[in-house]
Amino acid sequence: MENASPAQTFFSKSGMAESGWRASLIAGLASQRVSIVTTRRFTYKSANDAFSSLEQKWGTAAFKSYQERPDIQLYRRQLEQNLAVAR
């Protein structure tokens, strides 16, 4: 949690949305381990919003290709599952 939150902030402020959404997911997973419910909700929502913004930044074709990567599919499943639980 100590490293994930500053990384999330850095990537967001730097306009690095791809790294930012993954840092937000990691921060959410870290907050889950220490039971910080409000932080967990916020970080998962931030991750989801940042991920969604990538299509606008990259265009549909590049975004679709990105979504097909196995690592990204795994991260998205983790995010979707945790978003549902955090609500």
PDB file of N, CA and C in Angstrom:
ATOM      1  N   MET A   1       0.830  -1.183   0.000  1.00  0.00           N
ATOM      2  CA  MET A   1       0.000   0.000   0.000  1.00  0.00           C
ATOM      3  C   MET A   1       0.879   1.253   0.000  1.00  0.00           C
ATOM      4  N   GLU A   2       1.980   1.185   0.724  1.00  0.00           N
ATOM      5  CA  GLU A   2       2.873   2.336   0.807  1.00  0.00           C
ATOM      6  C   GLU A   2       3.450   2.716  -0.552  1.00  0.00           C
ATOM      7  N   ASN A   3       3.694   1.757  -1.405  1.00  0.00           N
ATOM      8  CA  ASN A   3       4.263   2.034  -2.723  1.00  0.00           C
ATOM      9  C   ASN A   3       3.196   2.212  -3.796  1.00  0.00           C
ATOM     10  N   ALA A   4       2.082   1.535  -3.649  1.00  0.00           N
ATOM     11  CA  ALA A   4       1.050   1.574  -4.679  1.00  0.00           C
ATOM     12  C   ALA A   4       0.386   2.948  -4.772  1.00  0.00           C
ATOM     13  N   SER A   5       0.094   3.558  -3.653  1.00  0.00           N
ATOM     14  CA  SER A   5      -0.584   4.868  -3.684  1.00  0.00           C
ATOM     15  C   SER A   5       0.260   5.963  -4.324  1.00  0.00           C
ATOM     16  N   PRO A   6       1.540   6.096  -3.963  1.00  0.00           N
ATOM     17  CA  PRO A   6       2.352   7.117  -4.642  1.00  0.00           C
ATOM     18  C   PRO A   6       2.516   6.829  -6.141  1.00  0.00           C
ATOM     19  N   ALA A   7       2.612   5.560  -6.509  1.00  0.00           N
ATOM     20  CA  ALA A   7       2.721   5.206  -7.930  1.00  0.00           C
ATOM     21  C   ALA A   7       1.456   5.616  -8.667  1.00  0.00           C
ATOM     22  N   GLN A   8       0.322   5.349  -8.066  1.00  0.00           N
ATOM     23  CA  GLN A   8      -0.964   5.718  -8.654  1.00  0.00           C
ATOM     24  C   GLN A   8      -1.020   7.228  -8.888  1.00  0.00           C
ATOM     25  N   THR A   9      -0.644   7.996  -7.901  1.00  0.00           N
ATOM     26  CA  THR A   9      -0.658   9.455  -8.001  1.00  0.00           C
ATOM     27  C   THR A   9       0.310   9.940  -9.082  1.00  0.00           C
ATOM     28  N   PHE A  10       1.511   9.392  -9.084  1.00  0.00           N
ATOM     29  CA  PHE A  10       2.515   9.779 -10.073  1.00  0.00           C
ATOM     30  C   PHE A  10       2.028   9.534 -11.495  1.00  0.00           C
ATOM     31  N   PHE A  11       1.530   8.332 -11.759  1.00  0.00           N
ATOM     32  CA  PHE A  11       1.089   7.996 -13.113  1.00  0.00           C
ATOM     33  C   PHE A  11      -0.108   8.836 -13.538  1.00  0.00           C
ATOM     34  N   SER A  12      -1.008   9.084 -12.626  1.00  0.00           N
ATOM     35  CA  SER A  12      -2.178   9.900 -12.954  1.00  0.00           C
ATOM     36  C   SER A  12      -1.783  11.329 -13.309  1.00  0.00           C
ATOM     37  N   LYS A  13      -0.916  11.909 -12.497  1.00  0.00           N
ATOM     38  CA  LYS A  13      -0.480  13.289 -12.744  1.00  0.00           C
ATOM     39  C   LYS A  13       0.396  13.399 -13.987  1.00  0.00           C
ATOM     40  N   SER A  14       1.075  12.326 -14.339  1.00  0.00           N
ATOM     41  CA  SER A  14       1.960  12.332 -15.498  1.00  0.00           C
ATOM     42  C   SER A  14       1.217  12.040 -16.793  1.00  0.00           C
ATOM     43  N   GLY A  15      -0.067  11.758 -16.694  1.00  0.00           N
ATOM     44  CA  GLY A  15      -0.842  11.449 -17.889  1.00  0.00           C
ATOM     45  C   GLY A  15      -0.579  10.060 -18.438  1.00  0.00           C
ATOM     46  N   MET A  16      -0.021   9.197 -17.613  1.00  0.00           N
ATOM     47  CA  MET A  16       0.297   7.831 -18.032  1.00  0.00           C
ATOM     48  C   MET A  16      -0.852   6.905 -17.622  1.00  0.00           C
ATOM     49  N   ALA A  17      -1.950   7.018 -18.364  1.00  0.00           N
ATOM     50  CA  ALA A  17      -3.186   6.330 -17.991  1.00  0.00           C
ATOM     51  C   ALA A  17      -3.042   4.818 -17.956  1.00  0.00           C
ATOM     52  N   GLU A  18      -2.252   4.257 -18.858  1.00  0.00           N
ATOM     53  CA  GLU A  18      -2.106   2.797 -18.892  1.00  0.00           C
ATOM     54  C   GLU A  18      -1.447   2.303 -17.605  1.00  0.00           C
ATOM     55  N   SER A  19      -0.389   2.937 -17.210  1.00  0.00           N
ATOM     56  CA  SER A  19       0.269   2.558 -15.956  1.00  0.00           C
ATOM     57  C   SER A  19      -0.585   2.957 -14.757  1.00  0.00           C
ATOM     58  N   GLY A  20      -1.308   4.065 -14.902  1.00  0.00           N
ATOM     59  CA  GLY A  20      -2.144   4.552 -13.806  1.00  0.00           C
ATOM     60  C   GLY A  20      -3.274   3.610 -13.446  1.00  0.00           C
ATOM     61  N   TRP A  21      -3.940   3.033 -14.445  1.00  0.00           N
ATOM     62  CA  TRP A  21      -5.052   2.148 -14.100  1.00  0.00           C
ATOM     63  C   TRP A  21      -4.546   0.882 -13.419  1.00  0.00           C
ATOM     64  N   ARG A  22      -3.370   0.404 -13.853  1.00  0.00           N
ATOM     65  CA  ARG A  22      -2.831  -0.795 -13.201  1.00  0.00           C
ATOM     66  C   ARG A  22      -2.331  -0.469 -11.789  1.00  0.00           C
ATOM     67  N   ALA A  23      -1.745   0.709 -11.602  1.00  0.00           N
ATOM     68  CA  ALA A  23      -1.329   1.117 -10.262  1.00  0.00           C
ATOM     69  C   ALA A  23      -2.543   1.259  -9.345  1.00  0.00           C
ATOM     70  N   SER A  24      -3.642   1.762  -9.889  1.00  0.00           N
ATOM     71  CA  SER A  24      -4.874   1.874  -9.094  1.00  0.00           C
ATOM     72  C   SER A  24      -5.402   0.496  -8.710  1.00  0.00           C
ATOM     73  N   LEU A  25      -5.356  -0.438  -9.646  1.00  0.00           N
ATOM     74  CA  LEU A  25      -5.778  -1.811  -9.330  1.00  0.00           C
ATOM     75  C   LEU A  25      -4.906  -2.389  -8.218  1.00  0.00           C
ATOM     76  N   ILE A  26      -3.611  -2.215  -8.333  1.00  0.00           N
ATOM     77  CA  ILE A  26      -2.693  -2.740  -7.311  1.00  0.00           C
ATOM     78  C   ILE A  26      -2.940  -2.064  -5.967  1.00  0.00           C
ATOM     79  N   ALA A  27      -3.187  -0.758  -5.976  1.00  0.00           N
ATOM     80  CA  ALA A  27      -3.496  -0.052  -4.724  1.00  0.00           C
ATOM     81  C   ALA A  27      -4.788  -0.593  -4.111  1.00  0.00           C
ATOM     82  N   GLY A  28      -5.772  -0.883  -4.952  1.00  0.00           N
ATOM     83  CA  GLY A  28      -7.019  -1.459  -4.462  1.00  0.00           C
ATOM     84  C   GLY A  28      -6.806  -2.835  -3.851  1.00  0.00           C
ATOM     85  N   LEU A  29      -6.012  -3.654  -4.526  1.00  0.00           N
ATOM     86  CA  LEU A  29      -5.717  -4.987  -3.984  1.00  0.00           C
ATOM     87  C   LEU A  29      -4.953  -4.880  -2.668  1.00  0.00           C
ATOM     88  N   ALA A  30      -4.036  -3.921  -2.592  1.00  0.00           N
ATOM     89  CA  ALA A  30      -3.273  -3.725  -1.353  1.00  0.00           C
ATOM     90  C   ALA A  30      -4.183  -3.246  -0.233  1.00  0.00           C
ATOM     91  N   SER A  31      -5.107  -2.337  -0.546  1.00  0.00           N
ATOM     92  CA  SER A  31      -6.007  -1.837   0.493  1.00  0.00           C
ATOM     93  C   SER A  31      -6.948  -2.929   0.978  1.00  0.00           C
ATOM     94  N   GLN A  32      -7.231  -3.891   0.110  1.00  0.00           N
ATOM     95  CA  GLN A  32      -8.075  -5.025   0.496  1.00  0.00           C
ATOM     96  C   GLN A  32      -7.392  -5.850   1.574  1.00  0.00           C
ATOM     97  N   ARG A  33      -6.104  -5.983   1.450  1.00  0.00           N
ATOM     98  CA  ARG A  33      -5.354  -6.781   2.429  1.00  0.00           C
ATOM     99  C   ARG A  33      -5.303  -6.110   3.806  1.00  0.00           C
ATOM    100  N   VAL A  34      -5.398  -4.795   3.819  1.00  0.00           N
ATOM    101  CA  VAL A  34      -5.360  -4.089   5.098  1.00  0.00           C
ATOM    102  C   VAL A  34      -6.734  -3.553   5.490  1.00  0.00           C
ATOM    103  N   SER A  35      -7.763  -3.963   4.753  1.00  0.00           N
ATOM    104  CA  SER A  35      -9.167  -3.664   5.060  1.00  0.00           C
ATOM    105  C   SER A  35      -9.503  -2.175   5.110  1.00  0.00           C
ATOM    106  N   ILE A  36      -9.041  -1.423   4.160  1.00  0.00           N
ATOM    107  CA  ILE A  36      -9.389  -0.001   4.064  1.00  0.00           C
ATOM    108  C   ILE A  36     -10.487   0.112   3.001  1.00  0.00           C
ATOM    109  N   VAL A  37     -11.734   0.040   3.433  1.00  0.00           N
ATOM    110  CA  VAL A  37     -12.863  -0.074   2.519  1.00  0.00           C
ATOM    111  C   VAL A  37     -13.019   1.149   1.626  1.00  0.00           C
ATOM    112  N   THR A  38     -12.965   2.352   2.175  1.00  0.00           N
ATOM    113  CA  THR A  38     -13.173   3.544   1.355  1.00  0.00           C
ATOM    114  C   THR A  38     -12.053   3.716   0.337  1.00  0.00           C
ATOM    115  N   THR A  39     -10.839   3.422   0.725  1.00  0.00           N
ATOM    116  CA  THR A  39      -9.707   3.498  -0.198  1.00  0.00           C
ATOM    117  C   THR A  39      -9.873   2.471  -1.309  1.00  0.00           C
ATOM    118  N   ARG A  40     -10.299   1.301  -0.944  1.00  0.00           N
ATOM    119  CA  ARG A  40     -10.488   0.228  -1.920  1.00  0.00           C
ATOM    120  C   ARG A  40     -11.514   0.643  -2.978  1.00  0.00           C
ATOM    121  N   ARG A  41     -12.656   1.164  -2.568  1.00  0.00           N
ATOM    122  CA  ARG A  41     -13.681   1.604  -3.528  1.00  0.00           C
ATOM    123  C   ARG A  41     -13.133   2.676  -4.466  1.00  0.00           C
ATOM    124  N   PHE A  42     -12.467   3.655  -3.874  1.00  0.00           N
ATOM    125  CA  PHE A  42     -11.928   4.763  -4.659  1.00  0.00           C
ATOM    126  C   PHE A  42     -10.896   4.282  -5.667  1.00  0.00           C
ATOM    127  N   THR A  43      -9.981   3.421  -5.244  1.00  0.00           N
ATOM    128  CA  THR A  43      -8.915   2.989  -6.148  1.00  0.00           C
ATOM    129  C   THR A  43      -9.450   2.098  -7.261  1.00  0.00           C
ATOM    130  N   TYR A  44     -10.411   1.246  -6.973  1.00  0.00           N
ATOM    131  CA  TYR A  44     -10.992   0.421  -8.036  1.00  0.00           C
ATOM    132  C   TYR A  44     -11.765   1.286  -9.029  1.00  0.00           C
ATOM    133  N   LYS A  45     -12.473   2.274  -8.539  1.00  0.00           N
ATOM    134  CA  LYS A  45     -13.190   3.176  -9.440  1.00  0.00           C
ATOM    135  C   LYS A  45     -12.193   3.970 -10.284  1.00  0.00           C
ATOM    136  N   SER A  46     -11.122   4.432  -9.685  1.00  0.00           N
ATOM    137  CA  SER A  46     -10.084   5.152 -10.426  1.00  0.00           C
ATOM    138  C   SER A  46      -9.469   4.270 -11.504  1.00  0.00           C
ATOM    139  N   ALA A  47      -9.207   3.023 -11.154  1.00  0.00           N
ATOM    140  CA  ALA A  47      -8.641   2.085 -12.131  1.00  0.00           C
ATOM    141  C   ALA A  47      -9.602   1.880 -13.291  1.00  0.00           C
ATOM    142  N   ASN A  48     -10.863   1.702 -12.995  1.00  0.00           N
ATOM    143  CA  ASN A  48     -11.863   1.480 -14.037  1.00  0.00           C
ATOM    144  C   ASN A  48     -12.001   2.712 -14.939  1.00  0.00           C
ATOM    145  N   ASP A  49     -12.037   3.892 -14.337  1.00  0.00           N
ATOM    146  CA  ASP A  49     -12.146   5.127 -15.122  1.00  0.00           C
ATOM    147  C   ASP A  49     -10.919   5.321 -16.016  1.00  0.00           C
ATOM    148  N   ALA A  50      -9.738   5.071 -15.475  1.00  0.00           N
ATOM    149  CA  ALA A  50      -8.504   5.237 -16.251  1.00  0.00           C
ATOM    150  C   ALA A  50      -8.450   4.233 -17.394  1.00  0.00           C
ATOM    151  N   PHE A  51      -8.855   3.012 -17.128  1.00  0.00           N
ATOM    152  CA  PHE A  51      -8.874   2.000 -18.182  1.00  0.00           C
ATOM    153  C   PHE A  51      -9.824   2.420 -19.301  1.00  0.00           C
ATOM    154  N   SER A  52     -10.993   2.873 -18.926  1.00  0.00           N
ATOM    155  CA  SER A  52     -11.997   3.287 -19.914  1.00  0.00           C
ATOM    156  C   SER A  52     -11.509   4.451 -20.767  1.00  0.00           C
ATOM    157  N   SER A  53     -10.695   5.314 -20.200  1.00  0.00           N
ATOM    158  CA  SER A  53     -10.210   6.482 -20.941  1.00  0.00           C
ATOM    159  C   SER A  53      -9.165   6.119 -21.998  1.00  0.00           C
ATOM    160  N   LEU A  54      -8.602   4.937 -21.895  1.00  0.00           N
ATOM    161  CA  LEU A  54      -7.559   4.558 -22.848  1.00  0.00           C
ATOM    162  C   LEU A  54      -8.076   4.475 -24.281  1.00  0.00           C
ATOM    163  N   GLU A  55      -9.300   4.017 -24.470  1.00  0.00           N
ATOM    164  CA  GLU A  55      -9.843   3.902 -25.824  1.00  0.00           C
ATOM    165  C   GLU A  55      -9.901   5.269 -26.503  1.00  0.00           C
ATOM    166  N   GLN A  56     -10.290   6.286 -25.756  1.00  0.00           N
ATOM    167  CA  GLN A  56     -10.343   7.633 -26.318  1.00  0.00           C
ATOM    168  C   GLN A  56      -8.944   8.141 -26.684  1.00  0.00           C
ATOM    169  N   LYS A  57      -7.961   7.804 -25.869  1.00  0.00           N
ATOM    170  CA  LYS A  57      -6.601   8.281 -26.100  1.00  0.00           C
ATOM    171  C   LYS A  57      -5.930   7.539 -27.246  1.00  0.00           C
ATOM    172  N   TRP A  58      -6.170   6.217 -27.327  1.00  0.00           N
ATOM    173  CA  TRP A  58      -5.441   5.390 -28.288  1.00  0.00           C
ATOM    174  C   TRP A  58      -6.197   5.112 -29.575  1.00  0.00           C
ATOM    175  N   GLY A  59      -7.509   5.210 -29.528  1.00  0.00           N
ATOM    176  CA  GLY A  59      -8.324   4.816 -30.667  1.00  0.00           C
ATOM    177  C   GLY A  59      -8.818   3.384 -30.484  1.00  0.00           C
ATOM    178  N   THR A  60      -9.886   3.063 -31.181  1.00  0.00           N
ATOM    179  CA  THR A  60     -10.560   1.782 -30.989  1.00  0.00           C
ATOM    180  C   THR A  60      -9.680   0.589 -31.348  1.00  0.00           C
ATOM    181  N   ALA A  61      -8.979   0.642 -32.466  1.00  0.00           N
ATOM    182  CA  ALA A  61      -8.172  -0.503 -32.910  1.00  0.00           C
ATOM    183  C   ALA A  61      -7.053  -0.825 -31.925  1.00  0.00           C
ATOM    184  N   ALA A  62      -6.316   0.181 -31.508  1.00  0.00           N
ATOM    185  CA  ALA A  62      -5.210  -0.052 -30.560  1.00  0.00           C
ATOM    186  C   ALA A  62      -5.747  -0.525 -29.212  1.00  0.00           C
ATOM    187  N   PHE A  63      -6.853   0.049 -28.779  1.00  0.00           N
ATOM    188  CA  PHE A  63      -7.439  -0.341 -27.502  1.00  0.00           C
ATOM    189  C   PHE A  63      -7.926  -1.787 -27.543  1.00  0.00           C
ATOM    190  N   LYS A  64      -8.548  -2.173 -28.647  1.00  0.00           N
ATOM    191  CA  LYS A  64      -9.039  -3.549 -28.787  1.00  0.00           C
ATOM    192  C   LYS A  64      -7.873  -4.539 -28.728  1.00  0.00           C
ATOM    193  N   SER A  65      -6.799  -4.217 -29.411  1.00  0.00           N
ATOM    194  CA  SER A  65      -5.606  -5.067 -29.387  1.00  0.00           C
ATOM    195  C   SER A  65      -5.046  -5.179 -27.972  1.00  0.00           C
ATOM    196  N   TYR A  66      -5.019  -4.082 -27.275  1.00  0.00           N
ATOM    197  CA  TYR A  66      -4.543  -4.053 -25.887  1.00  0.00           C
ATOM    198  C   TYR A  66      -5.406  -4.935 -24.992  1.00  0.00           C
ATOM    199  N   GLN A  67      -6.722  -4.840 -25.172  1.00  0.00           N
ATOM    200  CA  GLN A  67      -7.644  -5.631 -24.353  1.00  0.00           C
ATOM    201  C   GLN A  67      -7.490  -7.124 -24.577  1.00  0.00           C
ATOM    202  N   GLU A  68      -6.985  -7.529 -25.715  1.00  0.00           N
ATOM    203  CA  GLU A  68      -6.835  -8.940 -26.041  1.00  0.00           C
ATOM    204  C   GLU A  68      -5.617  -9.579 -25.397  1.00  0.00           C
ATOM    205  N   ARG A  69      -4.734  -8.767 -24.835  1.00  0.00           N
ATOM    206  CA  ARG A  69      -3.545  -9.327 -24.180  1.00  0.00           C
ATOM    207  C   ARG A  69      -3.970 -10.133 -22.950  1.00  0.00           C
ATOM    208  N   PRO A  70      -3.387 -11.329 -22.766  1.00  0.00           N
ATOM    209  CA  PRO A  70      -3.760 -12.170 -21.616  1.00  0.00           C
ATOM    210  C   PRO A  70      -3.543 -11.491 -20.267  1.00  0.00           C
ATOM    211  N   ASP A  71      -2.459 -10.725 -20.117  1.00  0.00           N
ATOM    212  CA  ASP A  71      -2.223 -10.064 -18.836  1.00  0.00           C
ATOM    213  C   ASP A  71      -3.290  -9.014 -18.560  1.00  0.00           C
ATOM    214  N   ILE A  72      -3.711  -8.302 -19.588  1.00  0.00           N
ATOM    215  CA  ILE A  72      -4.736  -7.275 -19.411  1.00  0.00           C
ATOM    216  C   ILE A  72      -6.083  -7.911 -19.118  1.00  0.00           C
ATOM    217  N   GLN A  73      -6.371  -9.045 -19.749  1.00  0.00           N
ATOM    218  CA  GLN A  73      -7.619  -9.756 -19.459  1.00  0.00           C
ATOM    219  C   GLN A  73      -7.652 -10.203 -18.001  1.00  0.00           C
ATOM    220  N   LEU A  74      -6.524 -10.676 -17.496  1.00  0.00           N
ATOM    221  CA  LEU A  74      -6.440 -11.077 -16.083  1.00  0.00           C
ATOM    222  C   LEU A  74      -6.667  -9.881 -15.169  1.00  0.00           C
ATOM    223  N   TYR A  75      -6.008  -8.763 -15.451  1.00  0.00           N
ATOM    224  CA  TYR A  75      -6.183  -7.562 -14.633  1.00  0.00           C
ATOM    225  C   TYR A  75      -7.623  -7.067 -14.659  1.00  0.00           C
ATOM    226  N   ARG A  76      -8.228  -7.096 -15.845  1.00  0.00           N
ATOM    227  CA  ARG A  76      -9.630  -6.642 -15.964  1.00  0.00           C
ATOM    228  C   ARG A  76     -10.568  -7.537 -15.158  1.00  0.00           C
ATOM    229  N   ARG A  77     -10.344  -8.834 -15.212  1.00  0.00           N
ATOM    230  CA  ARG A  77     -11.186  -9.741 -14.409  1.00  0.00           C
ATOM    231  C   ARG A  77     -11.036  -9.436 -12.920  1.00  0.00           C
ATOM    232  N   GLN A  78      -9.796  -9.232 -12.490  1.00  0.00           N
ATOM    233  CA  GLN A  78      -9.564  -8.884 -11.086  1.00  0.00           C
ATOM    234  C   GLN A  78     -10.286  -7.588 -10.732  1.00  0.00           C
ATOM    235  N   LEU A  79     -10.174  -6.614 -11.602  1.00  0.00           N
ATOM    236  CA  LEU A  79     -10.808  -5.328 -11.342  1.00  0.00           C
ATOM    237  C   LEU A  79     -12.322  -5.468 -11.286  1.00  0.00           C
ATOM    238  N   GLU A  80     -12.904  -6.138 -12.254  1.00  0.00           N
ATOM    239  CA  GLU A  80     -14.358  -6.294 -12.289  1.00  0.00           C
ATOM    240  C   GLU A  80     -14.878  -7.045 -11.065  1.00  0.00           C
ATOM    241  N   GLN A  81     -14.182  -8.101 -10.664  1.00  0.00           N
ATOM    242  CA  GLN A  81     -14.589  -8.854  -9.472  1.00  0.00           C
ATOM    243  C   GLN A  81     -14.514  -7.984  -8.232  1.00  0.00           C
ATOM    244  N   ASN A  82     -13.446  -7.243  -8.103  1.00  0.00           N
ATOM    245  CA  ASN A  82     -13.273  -6.427  -6.909  1.00  0.00           C
ATOM    246  C   ASN A  82     -14.168  -5.203  -6.896  1.00  0.00           C
ATOM    247  N   LEU A  83     -14.478  -4.662  -8.057  1.00  0.00           N
ATOM    248  CA  LEU A  83     -15.436  -3.559  -8.119  1.00  0.00           C
ATOM    249  C   LEU A  83     -16.801  -4.015  -7.610  1.00  0.00           C
ATOM    250  N   ALA A  84     -17.201  -5.214  -8.008  1.00  0.00           N
ATOM    251  CA  ALA A  84     -18.510  -5.750  -7.592  1.00  0.00           C
ATOM    252  C   ALA A  84     -18.552  -5.948  -6.084  1.00  0.00           C
ATOM    253  N   VAL A  85     -17.469  -6.421  -5.507  1.00  0.00           N
ATOM    254  CA  VAL A  85     -17.430  -6.668  -4.053  1.00  0.00           C
ATOM    255  C   VAL A  85     -17.352  -5.370  -3.276  1.00  0.00           C
ATOM    256  N   ALA A  86     -16.646  -4.372  -3.808  1.00  0.00           N
ATOM    257  CA  ALA A  86     -16.423  -3.124  -3.088  1.00  0.00           C
ATOM    258  C   ALA A  86     -17.661  -2.238  -3.037  1.00  0.00           C
ATOM    259  N   ARG A  87     -18.630  -2.495  -3.874  1.00  0.00           N
ATOM    260  CA  ARG A  87     -19.834  -1.645  -3.907  1.00  0.00           C
ATOM    261  C   ARG A  87     -20.756  -1.915  -2.803  1.00  0.00           C
TER     262      ARG A  87
END
